[in-house]
C-alpha atoms as a PDB file:
ATOM      1  CA  MET A   1       0.000   0.000   0.000  1.00  0.00           C
ATOM      2  CA  SER A   2       2.085   2.889  -1.308  1.00  0.00           C
ATOM      3  CA  GLY A   3       1.648   6.270   0.332  1.00  0.00           C
ATOM      4  CA  SER A   4      -0.085   4.885   3.445  1.00  0.00           C
ATOM      5  CA  SER A   5       1.517   4.944   6.869  1.00  0.00           C
ATOM      6  CA  PHE A   6       0.805   3.046  10.049  1.00  0.00           C
ATOM      7  CA  LYS A   7       1.006   3.660  13.782  1.00  0.00           C
ATOM      8  CA  THR A   8       1.732   1.167  16.546  1.00  0.00           C
ATOM      9  CA  CYS A   9      -0.218   1.196  19.815  1.00  0.00           C
ATOM     10  CA  ASP A  10       1.131   0.265  23.275  1.00  0.00           C
ATOM     11  CA  SER A  11      -0.175  -3.301  22.769  1.00  0.00           C
ATOM     12  CA  GLY A  12       1.834  -3.674  19.555  1.00  0.00           C
ATOM     13  CA  HIS A  13      -1.081  -3.465  17.077  1.00  0.00           C
ATOM     14  CA  PHE A  14      -0.478  -1.811  13.704  1.00  0.00           C
ATOM     15  CA  TYR A  15      -3.286   0.451  12.489  1.00  0.00           C
ATOM     16  CA  PRO A  16      -3.678   3.212   9.838  1.00  0.00           C
ATOM     17  CA  SER A  17      -2.292   6.590  10.893  1.00  0.00           C
ATOM     18  CA  SER A  18      -5.589   8.176   9.794  1.00  0.00           C
ATOM     19  CA  ASN A  19      -7.228   6.674  12.947  1.00  0.00           C
ATOM     20  CA  ASP A  20      -6.990   8.624  16.220  1.00  0.00           C
ATOM     21  CA  SER A  21      -6.682   5.461  18.335  1.00  0.00           C
ATOM     22  CA  CYS A  22      -6.114   1.743  17.934  1.00  0.00           C
ATOM     23  CA  PRO A  23      -9.348   0.107  16.713  1.00  0.00           C
ATOM     24  CA  TYR A  24      -8.257  -3.271  18.133  1.00  0.00           C
ATOM     25  CA  CYS A  25      -7.702  -1.999  21.672  1.00  0.00           C
ATOM     26  CA  ASN A  26     -11.008  -0.063  21.514  1.00  0.00           C
ATOM     27  CA  LYS A  27     -12.851  -3.233  20.506  1.00  0.00           C
ATOM     28  CA  GLN A  28     -11.496  -5.065  23.562  1.00  0.00           C
ATOM     29  CA  LYS A  29     -12.412  -2.188  25.908  1.00  0.00           C
ATOM     30  CA  ASN A  30     -15.956  -1.938  24.531  1.00  0.00           C
ATOM     31  CA  ASN A  31     -16.669  -5.666  24.907  1.00  0.00           C
ATOM     32  CA  PRO A  32     -16.995  -6.436  28.661  1.00  0.00           C
ATOM     33  CA  ASN A  33     -17.354 -10.190  27.949  1.00  0.00           C
ATOM     34  CA  LYS A  34     -14.152 -10.218  25.935  1.00  0.00           C
ATOM     35  CA  ASP A  35     -11.395 -12.509  27.230  1.00  0.00           C
ATOM     36  CA  ASN A  36      -8.492 -10.056  27.512  1.00  0.00           C
ATOM     37  CA  SER A  37      -5.960 -12.829  27.867  1.00  0.00           C
ATOM     38  CA  GLY A  38      -5.734 -13.057  24.052  1.00  0.00           C
ATOM     39  CA  ASP A  39      -5.483 -16.246  22.022  1.00  0.00           C
ATOM     40  CA  LYS A  40      -3.600 -18.337  24.552  1.00  0.00           C
ATOM     41  CA  THR A  41      -3.508 -22.013  25.359  1.00  0.00           C
ATOM     42  CA  VAL A  42      -6.078 -22.836  28.012  1.00  0.00           C
ATOM     43  CA  VAL A  43      -5.790 -25.864  30.314  1.00  0.00           C
ATOM     44  CA  ILE A  44      -9.135 -27.342  31.310  1.00  0.00           C
ATOM     45  CA  GLU A  45      -9.472 -30.138  33.829  1.00  0.00           C
ATOM     46  CA  ASP A  46     -11.497 -32.959  32.354  1.00  0.00           C
ATOM     47  CA  ASN A  47     -11.789 -36.665  33.126  1.00  0.00           C
ATOM     48  CA  SER A  48     -11.746 -37.863  29.534  1.00  0.00           C
ATOM     49  CA  GLY A  49      -8.134 -39.031  29.922  1.00  0.00           C
ATOM     50  CA  ASP A  50      -7.115 -37.547  26.570  1.00  0.00           C
ATOM     51  CA  ASP A  51      -4.374 -34.940  26.367  1.00  0.00           C
ATOM     52  CA  LYS A  52      -5.316 -33.631  22.944  1.00  0.00           C
ATOM     53  CA  THR A  53      -5.283 -30.236  21.325  1.00  0.00           C
ATOM     54  CA  VAL A  54      -8.865 -29.211  20.668  1.00  0.00           C
ATOM     55  CA  ILE A  55     -10.285 -26.304  18.712  1.00  0.00           C
ATOM     56  CA  ILE A  56     -13.169 -24.874  20.702  1.00  0.00           C
ATOM     57  CA  ASN A  57     -16.337 -24.282  18.712  1.00  0.00           C
ATOM     58  CA  PRO A  58     -18.875 -21.712  19.907  1.00  0.00           C
ATOM     59  CA  THR A  59     -20.483 -24.277  22.230  1.00  0.00           C
ATOM     60  CA  ILE A  60     -18.710 -27.285  23.712  1.00  0.00           C
ATOM     61  CA  ASP A  61     -19.868 -29.653  26.412  1.00  0.00           C
ATOM     62  CA  MET A  62     -16.943 -30.333  28.737  1.00  0.00           C
ATOM     63  CA  GLY A  63     -18.009 -32.920  31.283  1.00  0.00           C
ATOM     64  CA  GLY A  64     -21.296 -31.323  32.284  1.00  0.00           C
ATOM     65  CA  GLU A  65     -20.093 -27.737  31.862  1.00  0.00           C
ATOM     66  CA  THR A  66     -20.857 -25.855  28.676  1.00  0.00           C
ATOM     67  CA  SER A  67     -18.267 -23.360  27.494  1.00  0.00           C
ATOM     68  CA  ILE A  68     -19.366 -20.550  25.189  1.00  0.00           C
ATOM     69  CA  PRO A  69     -16.375 -18.453  24.150  1.00  0.00           C
ATOM     70  CA  ASP A  70     -16.995 -15.044  22.606  1.00  0.00           C
ATOM     71  CA  ASN A  71     -17.672 -15.067  18.868  1.00  0.00           C
ATOM     72  CA  GLU A  72     -14.484 -13.266  17.921  1.00  0.00           C
ATOM     73  CA  ASN A  73     -12.243 -15.737  19.724  1.00  0.00           C
ATOM     74  CA  THR A  74     -13.587 -19.181  18.834  1.00  0.00           C
ATOM     75  CA  ASP A  75     -10.320 -20.783  17.737  1.00  0.00           C
ATOM     76  CA  LYS A  76      -8.331 -21.068  20.966  1.00  0.00           C
ATOM     77  CA  THR A  77      -6.139 -24.081  21.605  1.00  0.00           C
ATOM     78  CA  VAL A  78      -7.349 -26.014  24.627  1.00  0.00           C
ATOM     79  CA  ILE A  79      -5.536 -28.828  26.450  1.00  0.00           C
ATOM     80  CA  PHE A  80      -7.763 -31.213  28.368  1.00  0.00           C
ATOM     81  CA  SER A  81      -5.973 -32.746  31.349  1.00  0.00           C
ATOM     82  CA  PRO A  82      -7.354 -35.494  33.557  1.00  0.00           C
ATOM     83  CA  LYS A  83      -8.681 -34.571  36.986  1.00  0.00           C
ATOM     84  CA  LYS A  84      -6.519 -35.378  39.986  1.00  0.00           C
ATOM     85  CA  GLY A  85      -6.929 -38.970  41.083  1.00  0.00           C
ATOM     86  CA  ASP A  86      -8.018 -40.163  37.605  1.00  0.00           C
ATOM     87  CA  LYS A  87      -6.478 -43.625  37.186  1.00  0.00           C
ATOM     88  CA  THR A  88      -7.270 -43.974  33.462  1.00  0.00           C
ATOM     89  CA  PRO A  89      -4.100 -45.190  31.719  1.00  0.00           C
ATOM     90  CA  LYS A  90      -2.925 -43.021  28.861  1.00  0.00           C
ATOM     91  CA  GLN A  91      -2.473 -44.643  25.489  1.00  0.00           C
ATOM     92  CA  SER A  92       0.786 -43.958  23.696  1.00  0.00           C
ATOM     93  CA  ASN A  93       1.390 -43.846  19.957  1.00  0.00           C
ATOM     94  CA  ILE A  94       5.131 -44.124  20.531  1.00  0.00           C
ATOM     95  CA  ARG A  95       6.593 -47.382  19.256  1.00  0.00           C
ATOM     96  CA  LYS A  96       9.188 -49.253  21.291  1.00  0.00           C
ATOM     97  CA  LEU A  97      12.809 -49.185  20.108  1.00  0.00           C
ATOM     98  CA  VAL A  98      13.839 -52.749  19.197  1.00  0.00           C
ATOM     99  CA  GLY A  99      17.200 -52.330  17.470  1.00  0.00           C
ATOM    100  CA  TRP A 100      19.515 -50.442  15.143  1.00  0.00           C
ATOM    101  CA  ILE A 101      21.221 -50.898  11.824  1.00  0.00           C
ATOM    102  CA  VAL A 102      24.699 -49.347  11.811  1.00  0.00           C
ATOM    103  CA  SER A 103      26.733 -48.518   8.702  1.00  0.00           C
ATOM    104  CA  TYR A 104      30.374 -47.506   8.307  1.00  0.00           C
ATOM    105  CA  THR A 105      30.228 -47.607   4.500  1.00  0.00           C
ATOM    106  CA  LEU A 106      27.509 -44.939   4.258  1.00  0.00           C
ATOM    107  CA  ASN A 107      29.614 -42.695   6.509  1.00  0.00           C
ATOM    108  CA  GLU A 108      33.153 -43.559   7.628  1.00  0.00           C
ATOM    109  CA  ASN A 109      32.445 -42.153  11.108  1.00  0.00           C
ATOM    110  CA  GLY A 110      29.419 -44.426  11.435  1.00  0.00           C
ATOM    111  CA  MET A 111      25.726 -43.805  10.957  1.00  0.00           C
ATOM    112  CA  ASP A 112      22.895 -45.600  12.724  1.00  0.00           C
ATOM    113  CA  PHE A 113      19.185 -45.925  12.103  1.00  0.00           C
ATOM    114  CA  ARG A 114      16.683 -46.952  14.750  1.00  0.00           C
ATOM    115  CA  LEU A 115      14.309 -49.862  14.274  1.00  0.00           C
ATOM    116  CA  TYR A 116      10.965 -49.743  16.068  1.00  0.00           C
ATOM    117  CA  GLU A 117       8.302 -52.376  16.717  1.00  0.00           C
ATOM    118  CA  GLY A 118       6.100 -52.916  13.679  1.00  0.00           C
ATOM    119  CA  LYS A 119       7.185 -52.013  10.147  1.00  0.00           C
ATOM    120  CA  ASN A 120      10.311 -49.996   9.271  1.00  0.00           C
ATOM    121  CA  THR A 121      10.649 -49.309   5.540  1.00  0.00           C
ATOM    122  CA  VAL A 122      14.042 -48.529   3.966  1.00  0.00           C
ATOM    123  CA  GLY A 123      14.580 -46.723   0.673  1.00  0.00           C
ATOM    124  CA  ARG A 124      15.026 -43.414  -1.114  1.00  0.00           C
ATOM    125  CA  GLY A 125      11.311 -42.508  -1.121  1.00  0.00           C
ATOM    126  CA  MET A 126       9.742 -39.738   0.956  1.00  0.00           C
ATOM    127  CA  ASP A 127       7.417 -42.176   2.777  1.00  0.00           C
ATOM    128  CA  CYS A 128      10.172 -44.497   4.057  1.00  0.00           C
ATOM    129  CA  ASN A 129      10.844 -44.683   7.802  1.00  0.00           C
ATOM    130  CA  ILE A 130      14.570 -44.944   7.034  1.00  0.00           C
ATOM    131  CA  ARG A 131      15.261 -42.686   4.063  1.00  0.00           C
ATOM    132  CA  ILE A 132      18.728 -42.926   2.518  1.00  0.00           C
ATOM    133  CA  THR A 133      19.043 -40.599  -0.457  1.00  0.00           C
ATOM    134  CA  GLU A 134      22.838 -40.963  -0.854  1.00  0.00           C
ATOM    135  CA  ASP A 135      22.622 -44.576  -2.102  1.00  0.00           C
ATOM    136  CA  LYS A 136      21.993 -44.663  -5.857  1.00  0.00           C
ATOM    137  CA  LEU A 137      21.323 -48.434  -5.843  1.00  0.00           C
ATOM    138  CA  LEU A 138      18.362 -48.151  -3.466  1.00  0.00           C
ATOM    139  CA  SER A 139      14.818 -48.321  -4.812  1.00  0.00           C
ATOM    140  CA  SER A 140      12.198 -45.868  -3.547  1.00  0.00           C
ATOM    141  CA  GLU A 141      11.020 -48.624  -1.165  1.00  0.00           C
ATOM    142  CA  HIS A 142      13.791 -51.206  -1.089  1.00  0.00           C
ATOM    143  CA  ALA A 143      13.232 -53.381   1.985  1.00  0.00           C
ATOM    144  CA  THR A 144      11.158 -53.617   5.169  1.00  0.00           C
ATOM    145  CA  PHE A 145      12.329 -54.519   8.651  1.00  0.00           C
ATOM    146  CA  LEU A 146       9.488 -55.972  10.701  1.00  0.00           C
ATOM    147  CA  TYR A 147       9.506 -56.563  14.444  1.00  0.00           C
ATOM    148  CA  ARG A 148       6.952 -59.158  15.548  1.00  0.00           C
ATOM    149  CA  GLY A 149       6.936 -61.710  18.371  1.00  0.00           C
ATOM    150  CA  ASP A 150      10.346 -60.705  19.797  1.00  0.00           C
ATOM    151  CA  SER A 151      12.024 -61.208  16.395  1.00  0.00           C
ATOM    152  CA  ILE A 152      13.175 -58.918  13.593  1.00  0.00           C
ATOM    153  CA  TYR A 153      12.570 -59.924   9.989  1.00  0.00           C
ATOM    154  CA  ILE A 154      13.644 -58.372   6.705  1.00  0.00           C
ATOM    155  CA  ARG A 155      11.545 -58.506   3.544  1.00  0.00           C
ATOM    156  CA  ASP A 156      12.692 -57.658   0.018  1.00  0.00           C
ATOM    157  CA  GLU A 157      10.213 -55.224  -1.560  1.00  0.00           C
ATOM    158  CA  MET A 158      10.892 -56.380  -5.128  1.00  0.00           C
ATOM    159  CA  ALA A 159      13.730 -53.877  -5.403  1.00  0.00           C
ATOM    160  CA  SER A 160      15.690 -53.481  -8.657  1.00  0.00           C
ATOM    161  CA  ASN A 161      18.935 -54.374  -6.879  1.00  0.00           C
ATOM    162  CA  PRO A 162      19.202 -57.341  -4.501  1.00  0.00           C
ATOM    163  CA  SER A 163      19.875 -57.238  -0.760  1.00  0.00           C
ATOM    164  CA  PHE A 164      22.157 -59.687   1.042  1.00  0.00           C
ATOM    165  CA  ILE A 165      22.180 -61.140   4.573  1.00  0.00           C
ATOM    166  CA  ASN A 166      25.640 -62.416   5.597  1.00  0.00           C
ATOM    167  CA  GLU A 167      26.570 -62.460   1.886  1.00  0.00           C
ATOM    168  CA  GLU A 168      23.548 -64.609   0.962  1.00  0.00           C
ATOM    169  CA  GLU A 169      21.158 -63.013  -1.531  1.00  0.00           C
ATOM    170  CA  LEU A 170      17.670 -62.179  -0.313  1.00  0.00           C
ATOM    171  CA  MET A 171      15.335 -63.347  -3.076  1.00  0.00           C
ATOM    172  CA  PRO A 172      12.710 -60.945  -4.494  1.00  0.00           C
ATOM    173  CA  GLY A 173       9.711 -60.729  -2.164  1.00  0.00           C
ATOM    174  CA  ALA A 174      11.288 -63.108   0.384  1.00  0.00           C
ATOM    175  CA  THR A 175      11.178 -62.611   4.173  1.00  0.00           C
ATOM    176  CA  VAL A 176      14.035 -63.787   6.408  1.00  0.00           C
ATOM    177  CA  LYS A 177      14.325 -63.840  10.208  1.00  0.00           C
ATOM    178  CA  LEU A 178      17.393 -61.920  11.424  1.00  0.00           C
ATOM    179  CA  LYS A 179      19.586 -62.343  14.471  1.00  0.00           C
ATOM    180  CA  ASP A 180      21.741 -59.908  16.408  1.00  0.00           C
ATOM    181  CA  GLY A 181      25.051 -59.285  14.602  1.00  0.00           C
ATOM    182  CA  ASP A 182      23.826 -60.104  11.083  1.00  0.00           C
ATOM    183  CA  ILE A 183      25.513 -58.161   8.268  1.00  0.00           C
ATOM    184  CA  ILE A 184      22.975 -56.807   5.800  1.00  0.00           C
ATOM    185  CA  MET A 185      23.843 -55.350   2.395  1.00  0.00           C
ATOM    186  CA  ILE A 186      21.143 -52.983   1.152  1.00  0.00           C
ATOM    187  CA  GLY A 187      21.912 -51.120  -2.065  1.00  0.00           C
ATOM    188  CA  GLU A 188      25.624 -50.321  -2.072  1.00  0.00           C
ATOM    189  CA  ASN A 189      26.022 -50.091   1.705  1.00  0.00           C
ATOM    190  CA  GLN A 190      26.589 -52.573   4.510  1.00  0.00           C
ATOM    191  CA  TYR A 191      24.716 -52.496   7.848  1.00  0.00           C
ATOM    192  CA  LEU A 192      25.271 -54.321  11.132  1.00  0.00           C
ATOM    193  CA  LEU A 193      22.073 -55.293  12.967  1.00  0.00           C
ATOM    194  CA  ARG A 194      21.995 -54.710  16.697  1.00  0.00           C
ATOM    195  CA  MET A 195      18.934 -55.771  18.683  1.00  0.00           C
ATOM    196  CA  THR A 196      17.898 -54.408  22.063  1.00  0.00           C
ATOM    197  CA  LYS A 197      17.660 -56.806  24.988  1.00  0.00           C
ATOM    198  CA  MET A 198      13.996 -57.783  25.417  1.00  0.00           C
END
C-alpha cells in the first residue's frame, strides 16, 4: 500500500495513521465479555483421559459444563488434562525401540538408524521410515524390517537391486528372520544389525 503509513499502539497493534486510536484496543475495551488474555492455550481439567489439542467451537460440552467463548475468539487451543486422582491409563502412539542398523560404508564415522516395533521401511522414497538418499542403488522402497513376536525380519520389496544377509542373496519378495550381529547389504552399503535386549 504505497503512500499509506501506520502507527503502533502500546499493545503492539499496527493500524492506519488516519485513525486517532487503535481500533483493536477499543474493541477489547468496549466488549466487557471479551477474554483479555488473548489467544492463549487454556488448560481445562477434564476426566476424559485424553491430552489432545482441541479447537473450541462456539459451544462445547466439557463434562457437564458448557463453554461458550466469545464469537471473535472461537479458535483457541485447549488442552484437556485429567482430573486429579483419575487412574485412566494413557495410550501412547510411541513405538518401542527394538534395534539399530549401523553402517560404516555410508559414513566412515558411522551412521545408525533406529528400528521400532512394527514395520520400518528402507529406501530413497519420501514415505520411508529410514530414508537414505545418498545410495543410488536403493529403490524408492527397497526393503522392510518388521519386528513381531520378539524377532526382527527383513523382507525384500521387489527392489531393482538385490539385498544380502551375511553375503547370501535375499530373493525378491522373500522374508528372512534376522539375528543380532547379522551383516545386511542394502543397495551399495553394509549395515550391522543390533537388537535391544527384550
